[in-house]
Amino acid sequence: MNAIALTISNTPIRQDSLGRYCLNDLHKAAGGASKHQPAFFIRRDETKELVTELSSADSQNINPIQTIQGKGKAQGTYAVKELVYAYAMWISAKFHIAVIRAYDSLVNSMSTPSNTITEQEALIFKRSIEMHCKEHSDSYGQLYRKVYDYFGITSYKLIPAGKLDEAIRLLGIKKTSIKKPNPLPPTISVTQQELDDMVEERAKVLSGELLEKEPKPALMDKAAMVQCLREEDYVVIKKDRYMDDIISLLLAGINPTYEAQGKRRTLN
């Protein structure tokens, strides 16, 4: 049973061990008119169609609606949320809205980021059960129900924060990991003008320092330029042939100079 009860028109709505809601309590909350008894709702063709559809679509193998007979507090007709909404709509539009708002309020009070597992953890829990059931004969419904009863919740997404591993241990299943996609490499985007400005500014800053050194011969290939860089942290090249290399080196924080008409010059 949920730790926080669903309440409509000051009437607590009971839940059974499978998290289904008591239609008899809903009937009471709606005013208790004889024509709105759950038995009449169940007999409708539309209700039967809903039950058939829910039964075929439910991977947890939970009966959408069940009547518990006998004595005691547990007796009554219990139905899943979808049938609760349908029952409320059958009674009246006003009651339908009241049920939706009450349920949304209940879920919101239980699912704030501070007290439930994250979406990623919820996915890990779901995948762990799926992988386990593929390899064993255990029932989806029984595994989910065990966790629901243990934590007093109605959805695996409401497992308390920090309790994912405890839920996994409770079921005795293997925790499935989810691979994160490889991050894209960092990129930089600049306009041609911004690139030209960077080159010019960098050259102005470095020119005085570089001109104190004896230049190397011009016309180097890239391999020679790299070797030169390793030895003395600068390189001399011809501007007209290796301008692209100059830009590349500047953007990498390297200090090049170049030689033109027999004189050492800076890029500006």
Protein backbone atom coordinates (compact mmCIF):
# COMPACT_ATOMS: atom_id res chain seq x y z
CA MET A 1 0.00 0.00 0.00
CA ASN A 2 1.20 3.50 -0.79
CA ALA A 3 2.73 5.39 2.14
CA ILE A 4 0.75 8.49 1.08
CA ALA A 5 -2.91 7.64 0.44
CA LEU A 6 -4.87 8.99 -2.50
CA THR A 7 -7.65 11.13 -1.08
CA ILE A 8 -10.67 12.43 -3.02
CA SER A 9 -13.37 14.60 -1.43
CA ASN A 10 -11.87 13.82 1.98
CA THR A 11 -12.28 10.09 1.30
CA PRO A 12 -9.12 7.93 1.46
CA ILE A 13 -8.91 5.55 -1.49
CA ARG A 14 -7.58 2.13 -0.47
CA GLN A 15 -5.04 0.16 -2.48
CA ASP A 16 -4.45 -3.57 -2.63
CA SER A 17 -1.06 -5.29 -2.62
CA LEU A 18 -0.73 -4.74 -6.37
CA GLY A 19 -1.23 -0.98 -6.16
CA ARG A 20 -4.76 -1.02 -7.64
CA TYR A 21 -7.32 1.44 -6.30
CA CYS A 22 -10.64 0.56 -4.68
CA LEU A 23 -13.58 1.55 -6.87
CA ASN A 24 -15.93 1.21 -3.88
CA ASP A 25 -14.07 4.03 -2.14
CA LEU A 26 -14.25 6.10 -5.32
CA HIS A 27 -17.99 5.43 -5.46
CA LYS A 28 -18.29 6.75 -1.90
CA ALA A 29 -16.19 9.83 -2.73
CA ALA A 30 -18.46 10.58 -5.72
CA GLY A 31 -21.56 10.65 -3.53
CA GLY A 32 -22.56 6.99 -3.40
CA ALA A 33 -25.42 7.11 -5.91
CA SER A 34 -26.87 3.66 -6.63
CA LYS A 35 -26.60 4.12 -10.38
CA HIS A 36 -22.83 4.62 -10.05
CA GLN A 37 -22.03 1.34 -8.30
CA PRO A 38 -18.81 -0.30 -9.56
CA ALA A 39 -20.76 -3.43 -10.58
CA PHE A 40 -22.67 -1.44 -13.21
CA PHE A 41 -19.47 0.07 -14.53
CA ILE A 42 -17.82 -3.36 -14.88
CA ARG A 43 -20.70 -4.72 -16.95
CA ARG A 44 -20.40 -2.03 -19.62
CA ASP A 45 -19.06 -3.14 -23.01
CA GLU A 46 -16.68 -0.17 -23.04
CA THR A 47 -15.22 -1.29 -19.70
CA LYS A 48 -14.77 -4.85 -20.96
CA GLU A 49 -12.91 -3.55 -24.01
CA LEU A 50 -10.63 -1.47 -21.80
CA VAL A 51 -9.88 -4.48 -19.58
CA THR A 52 -9.05 -6.62 -22.62
CA GLU A 53 -6.73 -3.96 -24.03
CA LEU A 54 -4.98 -3.35 -20.71
CA SER A 55 -4.51 -7.08 -20.15
CA SER A 56 -2.84 -7.56 -23.52
CA ALA A 57 -0.61 -4.51 -23.18
CA ASP A 58 0.55 -5.04 -19.59
CA SER A 59 4.07 -6.53 -19.45
CA GLN A 60 3.79 -6.91 -15.65
CA ASN A 61 0.95 -9.47 -15.90
CA ILE A 62 -1.28 -7.65 -13.42
CA ASN A 63 -5.04 -8.17 -13.69
CA PRO A 64 -6.47 -4.68 -14.45
CA ILE A 65 -9.53 -5.21 -12.25
CA GLN A 66 -10.38 -7.69 -9.51
CA THR A 67 -13.12 -8.06 -6.93
CA ILE A 68 -12.12 -9.34 -3.50
CA GLN A 69 -15.03 -10.90 -1.67
CA GLY A 70 -15.43 -11.84 1.96
CA LYS A 71 -15.13 -9.97 5.21
CA GLY A 72 -12.59 -7.46 6.35
CA LYS A 73 -11.12 -4.19 5.15
CA ALA A 74 -9.66 -5.67 1.96
CA GLN A 75 -12.97 -6.55 0.30
CA GLY A 76 -14.04 -4.51 -2.70
CA THR A 77 -13.32 -4.04 -6.39
CA TYR A 78 -9.80 -2.85 -7.19
CA ALA A 79 -8.70 -1.42 -10.53
CA VAL A 80 -5.59 0.04 -12.16
CA LYS A 81 -5.23 3.78 -12.71
CA GLU A 82 -6.55 3.73 -16.29
CA LEU A 83 -9.79 2.11 -15.16
CA VAL A 84 -10.03 4.51 -12.22
CA TYR A 85 -9.99 7.40 -14.71
CA ALA A 86 -12.57 5.64 -16.89
CA TYR A 87 -14.81 4.99 -13.88
CA ALA A 88 -14.59 8.61 -12.77
CA MET A 89 -15.38 9.86 -16.28
CA TRP A 90 -18.40 7.51 -16.41
CA ILE A 91 -19.73 9.07 -13.21
CA SER A 92 -19.32 12.72 -14.27
CA ALA A 93 -16.93 15.19 -15.85
CA LYS A 94 -16.59 17.02 -12.54
CA PHE A 95 -15.62 13.87 -10.65
CA HIS A 96 -13.27 12.86 -13.47
CA ILE A 97 -11.36 16.14 -13.11
CA ALA A 98 -11.28 15.77 -9.31
CA VAL A 99 -9.73 12.29 -9.59
CA ILE A 100 -7.11 13.41 -12.13
CA ARG A 101 -6.06 16.37 -9.99
CA ALA A 102 -5.93 14.30 -6.82
CA TYR A 103 -3.76 11.66 -8.46
CA ASP A 104 -1.43 14.24 -10.04
CA SER A 105 -1.05 15.92 -6.67
CA LEU A 106 -0.18 12.58 -5.07
CA VAL A 107 2.44 11.75 -7.70
CA ASN A 108 4.00 15.23 -7.57
CA SER A 109 4.30 15.06 -3.78
CA MET A 110 6.22 11.79 -4.08
CA SER A 111 8.39 12.43 -7.13
CA THR A 112 10.39 15.55 -6.39
CA PRO A 113 14.06 15.25 -7.48
CA SER A 114 15.19 15.29 -3.85
CA ASN A 115 13.46 12.11 -2.73
CA THR A 116 13.27 9.69 -5.69
CA ILE A 117 15.79 8.00 -7.95
CA THR A 118 16.85 9.77 -11.12
CA GLU A 119 15.50 8.97 -14.58
CA GLN A 120 18.80 7.25 -15.38
CA GLU A 121 18.54 5.07 -12.26
CA ALA A 122 14.91 4.25 -13.06
CA LEU A 123 15.98 3.09 -16.50
CA ILE A 124 18.74 0.95 -14.98
CA PHE A 125 16.19 -0.66 -12.64
CA LYS A 126 13.77 -1.37 -15.50
CA ARG A 127 16.50 -2.81 -17.74
CA SER A 128 17.79 -4.95 -14.87
CA ILE A 129 14.37 -6.58 -14.43
CA GLU A 130 13.97 -7.05 -18.19
CA MET A 131 17.36 -8.78 -18.50
CA HIS A 132 16.66 -10.97 -15.48
CA CYS A 133 13.26 -12.10 -16.79
CA LYS A 134 14.77 -12.94 -20.18
CA GLU A 135 17.22 -15.30 -18.51
CA HIS A 136 14.88 -16.70 -15.82
CA SER A 137 11.25 -17.69 -15.46
CA ASP A 138 10.39 -14.99 -12.91
CA SER A 139 7.32 -12.83 -13.49
CA TYR A 140 7.68 -9.13 -14.24
CA GLY A 141 4.63 -8.41 -12.09
CA GLN A 142 5.93 -10.30 -9.07
CA LEU A 143 9.28 -8.51 -9.15
CA TYR A 144 7.74 -5.06 -9.49
CA ARG A 145 5.16 -5.84 -6.81
CA LYS A 146 7.84 -6.93 -4.35
CA VAL A 147 9.54 -3.55 -4.71
CA TYR A 148 6.24 -1.65 -4.55
CA ASP A 149 5.25 -3.35 -1.31
CA TYR A 150 8.70 -2.94 0.22
CA PHE A 151 8.92 0.82 -0.38
CA GLY A 152 5.18 1.59 -0.26
CA ILE A 153 5.07 2.98 -3.81
CA THR A 154 3.04 2.49 -6.99
CA SER A 155 5.78 2.94 -9.61
CA TYR A 156 9.44 1.97 -9.86
CA LYS A 157 10.14 5.63 -10.66
CA LEU A 158 9.14 6.45 -7.08
CA ILE A 159 11.89 4.34 -5.50
CA PRO A 160 13.43 6.61 -2.82
CA ALA A 161 16.63 8.44 -3.69
CA GLY A 162 19.74 6.43 -2.96
CA LYS A 163 17.77 3.16 -2.73
CA LEU A 164 18.40 1.73 -6.22
CA ASP A 165 21.01 -0.78 -5.03
CA GLU A 166 18.78 -1.77 -2.12
CA ALA A 167 15.92 -2.46 -4.56
CA ILE A 168 18.24 -4.54 -6.75
CA ARG A 169 19.43 -6.56 -3.74
CA LEU A 170 15.85 -7.05 -2.59
CA LEU A 171 15.04 -8.80 -5.87
CA GLY A 172 18.29 -10.74 -5.99
CA ILE A 173 18.94 -9.72 -9.59
CA LYS A 174 21.98 -8.43 -11.43
CA LYS A 175 22.29 -4.68 -11.89
CA THR A 176 22.44 -3.80 -15.57
CA SER A 177 24.73 -0.98 -16.66
CA ILE A 178 23.80 1.51 -19.36
CA LYS A 179 26.53 2.75 -21.63
CA LYS A 180 26.78 6.48 -22.03
CA PRO A 181 27.38 7.79 -25.55
CA ASN A 182 30.91 8.99 -26.27
CA PRO A 183 31.09 12.77 -25.93
CA LEU A 184 31.84 14.77 -29.06
CA PRO A 185 35.37 16.21 -29.26
CA PRO A 186 35.63 19.89 -28.37
CA THR A 187 35.43 22.26 -31.32
CA ILE A 188 36.11 25.93 -31.96
CA SER A 189 34.37 28.15 -34.47
CA VAL A 190 35.80 31.53 -35.55
CA THR A 191 35.30 33.81 -38.52
CA GLN A 192 38.11 34.57 -40.97
CA GLN A 193 38.38 38.10 -39.59
CA GLU A 194 38.65 36.79 -36.03
CA LEU A 195 41.38 34.41 -37.19
CA ASP A 196 43.31 37.22 -38.90
CA ASP A 197 43.03 39.36 -35.78
CA MET A 198 44.31 36.53 -33.61
CA VAL A 199 47.33 36.04 -35.86
CA GLU A 200 48.15 39.73 -35.91
CA GLU A 201 47.79 40.18 -32.15
CA ARG A 202 49.84 37.08 -31.41
CA ALA A 203 52.63 38.22 -33.70
CA LYS A 204 52.82 41.65 -32.10
CA VAL A 205 53.17 40.14 -28.65
CA LEU A 206 55.88 37.68 -29.66
CA SER A 207 57.92 39.68 -32.13
CA GLY A 208 60.36 41.24 -29.68
CA GLU A 209 61.16 37.94 -28.05
CA LEU A 210 61.61 36.11 -31.30
CA LEU A 211 63.88 38.66 -32.97
CA GLU A 212 66.56 38.05 -30.38
CA LYS A 213 67.13 34.58 -31.81
CA GLU A 214 69.07 33.58 -34.90
CA PRO A 215 66.59 32.46 -37.59
CA LYS A 216 66.74 29.05 -39.14
CA PRO A 217 66.90 28.59 -42.93
CA ALA A 218 63.64 29.22 -44.77
CA LEU A 219 61.59 26.73 -46.81
CA MET A 220 61.06 23.96 -44.29
CA ASP A 221 58.59 21.17 -44.63
CA LYS A 222 56.22 20.45 -41.78
CA ALA A 223 58.37 17.72 -40.22
CA ALA A 224 61.36 20.06 -40.12
CA MET A 225 59.23 22.80 -38.62
CA VAL A 226 58.12 20.52 -35.81
CA GLN A 227 61.72 19.45 -35.15
CA CYS A 228 62.81 23.08 -35.06
CA LEU A 229 60.07 23.84 -32.63
CA ARG A 230 61.17 21.06 -30.29
CA GLU A 231 64.76 22.28 -30.29
CA GLU A 232 64.35 26.04 -29.91
CA ASP A 233 60.62 26.77 -29.58
CA TYR A 234 60.44 28.84 -32.78
CA VAL A 235 60.58 28.40 -36.53
CA VAL A 236 61.33 30.61 -39.55
CA ILE A 237 59.25 30.10 -42.67
CA LYS A 238 58.26 31.87 -45.87
CA LYS A 239 55.00 33.71 -45.47
CA ASP A 240 53.71 33.12 -48.99
CA ARG A 241 54.17 29.34 -48.83
CA TYR A 242 53.44 28.44 -45.24
CA MET A 243 50.84 30.94 -44.06
CA ASP A 244 48.43 28.14 -43.13
CA ASP A 245 51.14 26.56 -41.03
CA ILE A 246 51.81 29.87 -39.30
CA ILE A 247 48.18 30.17 -38.33
CA SER A 248 48.10 26.60 -37.08
CA LEU A 249 51.17 27.13 -34.95
CA LEU A 250 49.91 30.41 -33.53
CA LEU A 251 46.59 28.88 -32.53
CA ALA A 252 48.54 26.10 -30.82
CA GLY A 253 50.51 28.65 -28.78
CA ILE A 254 53.75 28.28 -30.79
CA ASN A 255 55.99 31.27 -31.65
CA PRO A 256 56.91 31.38 -35.37
CA THR A 257 58.74 34.06 -37.36
CA TYR A 258 59.37 34.23 -41.09
CA GLU A 259 62.00 35.58 -43.48
CA ALA A 260 61.23 37.79 -46.48
CA GLN A 261 63.67 39.66 -48.76
CA GLY A 262 66.58 38.69 -46.56
CA LYS A 263 65.18 40.38 -43.48
CA ARG A 264 63.49 38.92 -40.44
CA ARG A 265 59.94 40.20 -40.04
CA THR A 266 56.89 39.68 -37.91
CA LEU A 267 53.49 38.69 -39.26
CA ASN A 268 52.09 42.20 -39.13
